[in-house]
Protein backbone atom coordinates (compact mmCIF):
# COMPACT_ATOMS: atom_id res chain seq x y z
CA MET A 1 93.82 121.25 105.61
CA ASN A 2 92.28 117.83 106.32
CA ARG A 3 93.69 115.15 108.64
CA GLY A 4 95.08 113.04 105.79
CA THR A 5 97.16 115.96 104.48
CA VAL A 6 98.46 116.68 107.99
CA VAL A 7 99.62 113.05 108.33
CA LEU A 8 101.51 113.23 105.02
CA LEU A 9 103.15 116.55 105.92
CA ALA A 10 104.19 115.21 109.34
CA ALA A 11 105.75 112.10 107.77
CA LEU A 12 107.70 114.19 105.27
CA LEU A 13 108.83 116.72 107.89
CA GLY A 14 110.03 113.92 110.15
CA GLY A 15 112.10 112.53 107.27
CA LEU A 16 113.63 115.95 106.59
CA LEU A 17 114.65 116.38 110.23
CA VAL A 18 116.33 112.96 110.27
CA ALA A 19 118.06 113.78 106.96
CA SER A 20 119.78 116.94 108.18
CA VAL A 21 123.08 115.07 108.73
CA ARG A 22 125.43 113.66 106.15
CA PRO A 23 124.31 110.16 104.98
CA ALA A 24 126.15 107.03 106.02
CA ALA A 25 126.89 104.15 103.70
CA GLY A 26 124.08 101.60 104.04
CA GLN A 27 122.21 99.25 101.76
CA VAL A 28 120.03 100.85 99.11
CA ILE A 29 116.31 100.31 98.59
CA ARG A 30 115.27 102.58 95.73
CA SER A 31 111.74 103.98 95.78
CA TYR A 32 110.00 104.81 92.50
CA GLU A 33 106.65 105.74 94.01
CA ALA A 34 107.17 109.50 93.67
CA LEU A 35 107.96 109.07 89.97
CA ASP A 36 104.75 107.04 89.55
CA ARG A 37 102.88 110.18 90.60
CA GLU A 38 104.14 111.91 87.45
CA ALA A 39 102.49 109.37 85.16
CA GLY A 40 99.77 110.67 82.86
CA ASP A 41 97.41 108.72 80.63
CA GLU A 42 99.02 106.67 77.85
CA TRP A 43 102.69 107.56 77.09
CA TYR A 44 104.70 109.82 79.40
CA ALA A 45 108.34 110.63 80.22
CA THR A 46 110.11 112.22 83.21
CA LEU A 47 113.69 113.43 83.74
CA GLY A 48 115.17 114.31 87.15
CA LEU A 49 118.51 115.87 88.07
CA SER A 50 120.10 116.65 91.44
CA LEU A 51 123.54 118.01 92.32
CA ASP A 52 125.59 117.80 95.53
CA ALA A 53 128.93 119.51 96.23
CA SER A 54 131.26 120.13 99.16
CA GLY A 55 134.42 122.20 99.69
CA GLY A 56 136.97 122.67 102.47
CA ASN A 57 138.15 119.51 104.21
CA VAL A 58 136.38 117.25 101.71
CA GLU A 59 135.99 118.49 98.16
CA TYR A 60 133.71 116.59 95.83
CA ALA A 61 130.77 117.00 93.45
CA GLU A 62 128.00 114.51 92.69
CA ALA A 63 125.37 114.49 89.95
CA ASP A 64 122.37 112.15 90.10
CA ALA A 65 120.24 111.74 86.97
CA SER A 66 117.09 109.63 86.90
CA GLY A 67 114.20 109.24 84.53
CA ALA A 68 110.99 107.42 83.70
CA LEU A 69 109.40 106.23 80.49
CA GLY A 70 106.04 104.53 80.69
CA TYR A 71 102.57 103.82 79.42
CA ARG A 72 99.40 103.87 81.52
CA GLY A 73 96.29 102.29 80.03
CA ASP A 74 92.90 101.48 81.51
CA ARG A 75 94.29 98.45 83.37
CA HIS A 76 97.96 98.03 82.39
CA PHE A 77 100.69 100.34 83.71
CA VAL A 78 104.23 99.72 82.40
CA ARG A 79 107.24 101.91 83.27
CA PHE A 80 111.03 101.86 83.00
CA TYR A 81 113.24 103.76 85.48
CA PRO A 82 116.97 104.26 84.70
CA SER A 83 119.32 106.16 87.04
CA LEU A 84 122.99 107.13 87.13
CA ARG A 85 125.07 108.88 89.81
CA LEU A 86 128.54 110.29 89.04
CA ARG A 87 131.04 111.56 91.62
CA ARG A 88 134.08 113.81 91.00
CA GLU A 89 136.73 113.87 93.72
CA ASP A 90 140.47 114.66 93.68
CA GLY A 91 140.29 115.37 89.94
CA ASP A 92 138.84 111.94 89.18
CA THR A 93 135.30 111.27 87.89
CA ARG A 94 133.80 107.83 88.50
CA GLU A 95 130.46 106.08 88.30
CA GLU A 96 129.07 105.84 91.84
CA GLU A 97 125.76 104.09 91.24
CA ARG A 98 123.72 102.77 88.31
CA SER A 99 120.34 101.08 88.18
CA ALA A 100 117.58 100.07 85.78
CA HIS A 101 114.11 99.09 86.97
CA LEU A 102 111.26 97.72 84.83
CA ARG A 103 107.82 97.56 86.47
CA HIS A 104 104.33 96.42 85.45
CA SER A 105 101.01 96.78 87.25
CA TYR A 106 97.58 95.40 86.37
CA ARG A 107 94.47 96.93 87.91
CA PHE A 108 91.90 94.26 88.78
CA THR A 109 89.49 96.68 90.45
CA GLU A 110 89.53 100.31 91.55
CA ARG A 111 91.24 99.26 94.79
CA VAL A 112 93.29 96.15 93.92
CA ALA A 113 96.24 95.87 91.52
CA SER A 114 99.23 93.59 90.94
CA TYR A 115 102.86 94.71 90.77
CA SER A 116 105.80 92.87 89.19
CA PHE A 117 109.35 94.09 88.57
CA VAL A 118 112.92 93.31 87.57
CA GLN A 119 115.88 95.46 88.59
CA TYR A 120 119.64 95.66 87.98
CA GLN A 121 121.85 97.78 90.24
CA THR A 122 125.49 98.57 91.04
CA ASP A 123 126.80 100.83 93.83
CA ALA A 124 130.49 101.55 94.40
CA ALA A 125 129.93 103.21 97.80
CA LEU A 126 128.36 99.98 99.12
CA ASP A 127 130.91 97.65 97.44
CA LEU A 128 127.93 96.32 95.49
CA GLU A 129 129.26 94.94 92.24
CA ARG A 130 125.83 93.73 91.12
CA ARG A 131 122.33 93.22 92.43
CA VAL A 132 119.52 91.61 90.42
CA LEU A 133 115.91 91.54 91.67
CA ALA A 134 112.77 89.93 90.27
CA GLY A 135 109.47 89.81 92.11
CA GLY A 136 105.87 90.85 92.47
CA GLY A 137 102.77 90.94 94.63
CA LEU A 138 99.35 92.46 95.20
CA ARG A 139 98.58 96.03 96.26
CA THR A 140 95.31 97.35 97.73
CA ARG A 141 93.97 100.79 98.62
CA LEU A 142 93.32 101.07 102.37
CA VAL A 143 92.28 104.72 102.73
CA ASP A 144 91.33 107.45 100.27
CA LEU A 145 92.95 110.88 100.82
CA GLU A 146 92.71 114.21 99.06
CA GLY A 147 94.64 113.76 95.82
CA GLY A 148 95.60 110.15 96.58
CA GLY A 149 95.38 107.55 99.33
CA VAL A 150 97.18 104.93 101.42
CA ASP A 151 98.12 101.61 99.75
CA LEU A 152 99.44 98.36 101.22
CA GLY A 153 101.39 95.88 99.08
CA LEU A 154 102.47 92.32 99.97
CA GLY A 155 104.83 90.36 97.74
CA VAL A 156 108.01 88.30 97.34
CA MET A 157 111.18 88.70 95.28
CA TRP A 158 114.28 86.76 94.29
CA GLU A 159 117.57 88.57 94.91
CA ALA A 160 121.10 87.85 93.75
CA GLU A 161 123.93 90.20 94.72
CA ARG A 162 127.70 90.13 94.49
CA THR A 163 130.24 91.95 96.69
CA PRO A 164 134.06 91.64 96.76
CA VAL A 165 134.08 90.17 100.29
CA GLU A 166 131.02 87.89 100.33
CA GLY A 167 130.95 86.95 96.66
CA GLU A 168 127.63 85.84 95.16
CA VAL A 169 124.66 85.61 97.57
CA THR A 170 121.11 84.59 96.63
CA ASP A 171 117.98 85.06 98.77
CA VAL A 172 114.20 85.08 98.59
CA ARG A 173 112.83 88.16 100.35
CA GLY A 174 109.52 89.78 101.05
CA ALA A 175 108.69 92.76 98.82
CA ASN A 176 106.23 94.57 101.07
CA LEU A 177 105.33 98.25 100.85
CA LEU A 178 103.16 100.95 102.45
CA VAL A 179 102.58 104.02 100.28
CA ALA A 180 100.75 107.28 101.04
CA ASN A 181 100.07 109.86 98.33
CA GLY A 182 98.29 113.18 98.58
CA SER A 183 98.58 116.93 98.15
CA ALA A 184 98.71 120.15 100.14
CA GLY A 185 97.51 122.87 97.80
CA VAL A 186 99.69 122.66 94.69
CA VAL A 187 102.39 120.61 96.47
CA ASP A 188 102.34 116.90 95.63
CA LEU A 189 103.32 114.64 98.55
CA ASN A 190 104.52 111.04 98.58
CA PHE A 191 105.60 108.75 101.42
CA ALA A 192 106.83 105.19 100.85
CA GLY A 193 107.85 102.52 103.35
CA PHE A 194 109.39 99.11 102.54
CA PHE A 195 109.98 95.92 104.54
CA GLN A 196 112.12 93.23 102.88
CA PRO A 197 112.89 90.26 105.16
CA VAL A 198 114.67 87.09 104.05
CA LEU A 199 111.79 84.62 104.20
CA SER A 200 113.90 81.87 105.79
CA ASP A 201 115.34 84.25 108.43
CA TRP A 202 113.27 87.35 109.27
CA ALA A 203 116.07 88.68 111.49
CA ASP A 204 117.87 89.41 108.20
CA HIS A 205 115.79 92.27 106.82
CA ARG A 206 115.84 95.70 105.22
CA VAL A 207 113.54 98.56 106.17
CA ALA A 208 113.22 101.89 104.37
CA ALA A 209 111.13 105.06 104.53
CA SER A 210 111.23 107.99 102.13
CA GLY A 211 109.22 111.15 101.55
CA THR A 212 109.06 113.50 98.57
CA ALA A 213 107.44 116.89 98.08
CA ALA A 214 107.14 118.21 94.51
CA VAL A 215 106.36 121.89 93.87
CA PRO A 216 105.26 122.73 90.29
CA LEU A 217 107.26 125.52 88.64
CA GLY A 218 105.36 125.56 85.34
CA ALA A 219 106.04 124.34 81.78
CA GLY A 220 106.46 120.75 83.00
CA TRP A 221 109.13 121.59 85.62
CA SER A 222 108.88 120.91 89.35
CA LEU A 223 111.19 121.37 92.35
CA THR A 224 111.54 118.20 94.44
CA VAL A 225 112.69 117.77 98.04
CA SER A 226 113.24 114.17 99.15
CA ALA A 227 114.29 112.61 102.44
CA ARG A 228 115.14 108.98 103.15
CA TRP A 229 116.08 106.55 105.91
CA ARG A 230 117.07 102.94 105.32
CA ARG A 231 118.34 100.13 107.54
CA ASP A 232 119.94 96.78 106.70
CA SER A 233 120.05 94.45 109.72
CA ARG A 234 122.99 92.55 108.21
CA PRO A 235 124.92 94.85 105.86
CA PRO A 236 128.08 93.81 104.01
CA VAL A 237 131.41 94.11 105.82
CA GLU A 238 132.50 97.76 106.38
CA VAL A 239 129.04 99.07 105.41
CA GLU A 240 126.98 100.75 108.14
CA ARG A 241 123.47 99.64 109.06
CA ASP A 242 121.76 102.98 108.56
CA ASP A 243 121.60 105.26 105.57
CA TYR A 244 119.83 108.63 105.68
CA GLY A 245 119.95 111.76 103.60
CA MET A 246 118.15 114.53 101.79
CA THR A 247 118.08 115.50 98.11
CA VAL A 248 116.88 118.65 96.39
CA GLY A 249 116.46 118.49 92.62
CA LEU A 250 114.55 119.42 89.49
CA ARG A 251 112.16 117.22 87.55
CA PHE A 252 110.80 117.67 84.00
CA SER A 253 107.75 115.73 82.81
CA VAL A 254 106.13 115.25 79.41
CA ASP A 255 102.86 113.42 78.76
């Protein structure tokens, strides 16, 4: 196993250790980098499903469905990512979170590409009635690894969100990312880090790190294990700064 693979495994293992406790309610930065790894040439589609349940003192069940539909050409890469999370508790089923993300990349060279995106999101657990994002930037390959590499992206985005307490808030933030992709045998590994400061006040920022390991099961199916940690320096009222957790799910891909 080479040094690059060891670094990816260490990053993912660290995320899993942090994620061994129940997640708190913090601000969400969704990562779609692991789903990008499923993209084939030309048209492709991916469907993911994860379930979470608890009994005893707190009885609930959650289902999280996500997907991808995209097209990868020689230079253009367009993809659409919808997601929906439902929660059933005390005999009541409600929508917990919903998002839709449209993303486009253009490859200028083998090592440099653009990224642009728009996103719509709601999240009941965070009292987030609506969040709209639009932004973009440039991404470059820093290091080549077995089955992937390390990329750095620098960009900006416009953000508008509405909560019951603070109402409508609009900001311009950085949309910066650090992504490492690779493999360990048949296991596909992905690590993504994000830094999103308000450009007029860098003390107001969001930071996130997530890792995903995907094990192929055959016939287009794979088992995924994901860990995440996110921090919002100034979260909404009654929402905690940190959010961390772990998800185990199934993913089906067609290309």
